[in-house]
Amino acid sequence: MAIIAVANIKIADLEQYKKSGYLEQAGKTATMYGGTYIVRAGGSSVIEGSPKIERIIMIEFASEERFLHWYNSEEYAPWKKVRHALAESDMFIIEKLTDEQQNDIAQGTSR
């Protein structure tokens, strides 16, 4: 089942983050493992509650296994270290609805 990796990243020093090469290189590694960026720090507005939104990243992968292959890969490892050094992150994965589930919801027949 497809999943979406969601990260909320609070960067301490954006200029240093940019200079590190993370923005260019980390994205390349995700796509090497089949990841597709859905959101990369786009504008946001809080509608309800009080979430502490920073830099939101959403990447779709074909499966949790593909995500984990990327996340634990040698290619991403140095960039993960950079992110950990220059930012605070919350990250989680969620299952993506199938087309059938989306249609069921649209028709009011979801289970």
Protein backbone atom coordinates (compact mmCIF):
# COMPACT_ATOMS: atom_id res chain seq x y z
CA MET A 1 0.00 0.00 0.00
CA ALA A 2 1.28 3.46 -0.87
CA ILE A 3 2.31 5.70 1.99
CA ILE A 4 3.03 9.37 2.48
CA ALA A 5 5.96 10.42 4.63
CA VAL A 6 5.21 13.66 6.47
CA ALA A 7 7.87 15.80 8.12
CA ASN A 8 7.57 19.05 10.05
CA ILE A 9 11.06 20.54 10.12
CA LYS A 10 12.11 23.52 12.22
CA ILE A 11 15.34 24.85 10.74
CA ALA A 12 17.57 26.81 13.11
CA ASP A 13 19.55 28.66 10.40
CA LEU A 14 18.03 28.56 6.91
CA GLU A 15 21.11 30.03 5.22
CA GLN A 16 23.38 27.35 6.71
CA TYR A 17 20.78 24.72 5.79
CA LYS A 18 20.82 25.94 2.18
CA LYS A 19 24.64 26.08 2.07
CA SER A 20 24.88 22.50 3.38
CA GLY A 21 23.53 21.11 0.11
CA TYR A 22 20.68 19.33 1.90
CA LEU A 23 17.92 20.90 -0.18
CA GLU A 24 19.41 19.70 -3.46
CA GLN A 25 20.86 16.37 -2.42
CA ALA A 26 18.26 14.90 -0.04
CA GLY A 27 15.53 15.27 -2.65
CA LYS A 28 17.61 13.40 -5.21
CA THR A 29 18.02 10.46 -2.84
CA ALA A 30 14.28 10.21 -2.20
CA THR A 31 13.52 10.10 -5.92
CA MET A 32 16.20 7.42 -6.39
CA TYR A 33 14.01 5.21 -4.17
CA GLY A 34 10.78 6.05 -5.96
CA GLY A 35 9.70 8.94 -3.75
CA THR A 36 7.56 11.70 -5.24
CA TYR A 37 7.41 15.05 -3.50
CA ILE A 38 3.84 16.22 -2.89
CA VAL A 39 4.60 19.20 -0.63
CA ARG A 40 7.91 20.90 -0.03
CA ALA A 41 7.56 23.85 2.34
CA GLY A 42 4.57 25.34 0.59
CA GLY A 43 2.51 28.08 2.17
CA SER A 44 0.16 27.03 4.93
CA SER A 45 -2.65 28.48 7.05
CA VAL A 46 -3.90 27.14 10.37
CA ILE A 47 -7.66 26.61 10.23
CA GLU A 48 -8.24 24.89 13.59
CA GLY A 49 -6.18 24.20 16.69
CA SER A 50 -2.66 25.42 17.41
CA PRO A 51 -0.19 23.25 15.47
CA LYS A 52 3.37 24.49 15.33
CA ILE A 53 3.82 24.36 11.58
CA GLU A 54 7.34 24.92 10.36
CA ARG A 55 8.60 23.51 7.02
CA ILE A 56 6.18 20.77 5.93
CA ILE A 57 7.45 18.06 3.59
CA MET A 58 5.29 15.26 2.14
CA ILE A 59 6.77 12.51 -0.01
CA GLU A 60 4.77 9.64 -1.48
CA PHE A 61 6.32 6.16 -1.72
CA ALA A 62 4.84 2.98 -3.24
CA SER A 63 5.09 1.22 0.13
CA GLU A 64 6.41 1.52 3.66
CA GLU A 65 9.20 -0.83 2.63
CA ARG A 66 10.33 1.55 -0.15
CA PHE A 67 10.25 4.46 2.28
CA LEU A 68 12.36 2.55 4.81
CA HIS A 69 14.85 1.55 2.11
CA TRP A 70 15.32 5.24 1.34
CA TYR A 71 15.30 6.46 4.95
CA ASN A 72 17.92 3.89 5.98
CA SER A 73 19.95 4.09 2.76
CA GLU A 74 23.64 4.92 2.44
CA GLU A 75 22.70 7.65 -0.03
CA TYR A 76 20.45 9.47 2.43
CA ALA A 77 22.52 8.83 5.59
CA PRO A 78 24.85 11.85 5.28
CA TRP A 79 21.94 14.17 4.52
CA LYS A 80 19.92 12.83 7.43
CA LYS A 81 22.90 13.72 9.65
CA VAL A 82 22.89 17.25 8.23
CA ARG A 83 19.17 17.62 8.92
CA HIS A 84 19.58 16.33 12.47
CA ALA A 85 22.45 18.78 13.07
CA LEU A 86 20.70 21.86 11.64
CA ALA A 87 17.03 21.28 12.42
CA GLU A 88 14.48 19.71 14.72
CA SER A 89 12.12 17.31 12.96
CA ASP A 90 8.94 15.38 13.53
CA MET A 91 8.34 12.67 10.92
CA PHE A 92 5.72 10.01 10.45
CA ILE A 93 4.17 7.94 7.67
CA ILE A 94 0.51 7.46 6.82
CA GLU A 95 -1.20 5.05 4.46
CA LYS A 96 -2.57 6.58 1.28
CA LEU A 97 -6.13 5.78 0.29
CA THR A 98 -6.58 3.53 -2.72
CA ASP A 99 -8.65 4.74 -5.68
CA GLU A 100 -11.44 2.42 -4.51
CA GLN A 101 -11.41 3.93 -1.02
CA GLN A 102 -11.47 7.43 -2.49
CA ASN A 103 -14.46 6.51 -4.66
CA ASP A 104 -16.27 4.95 -1.69
CA ILE A 105 -15.83 8.15 0.30
CA ALA A 106 -17.02 10.28 -2.64
CA GLN A 107 -20.13 8.09 -3.00
CA GLY A 108 -20.83 8.00 0.73
CA THR A 109 -20.28 4.24 0.91
CA SER A 110 -17.01 4.22 2.86
CA ARG A 111 -16.58 1.60 5.53
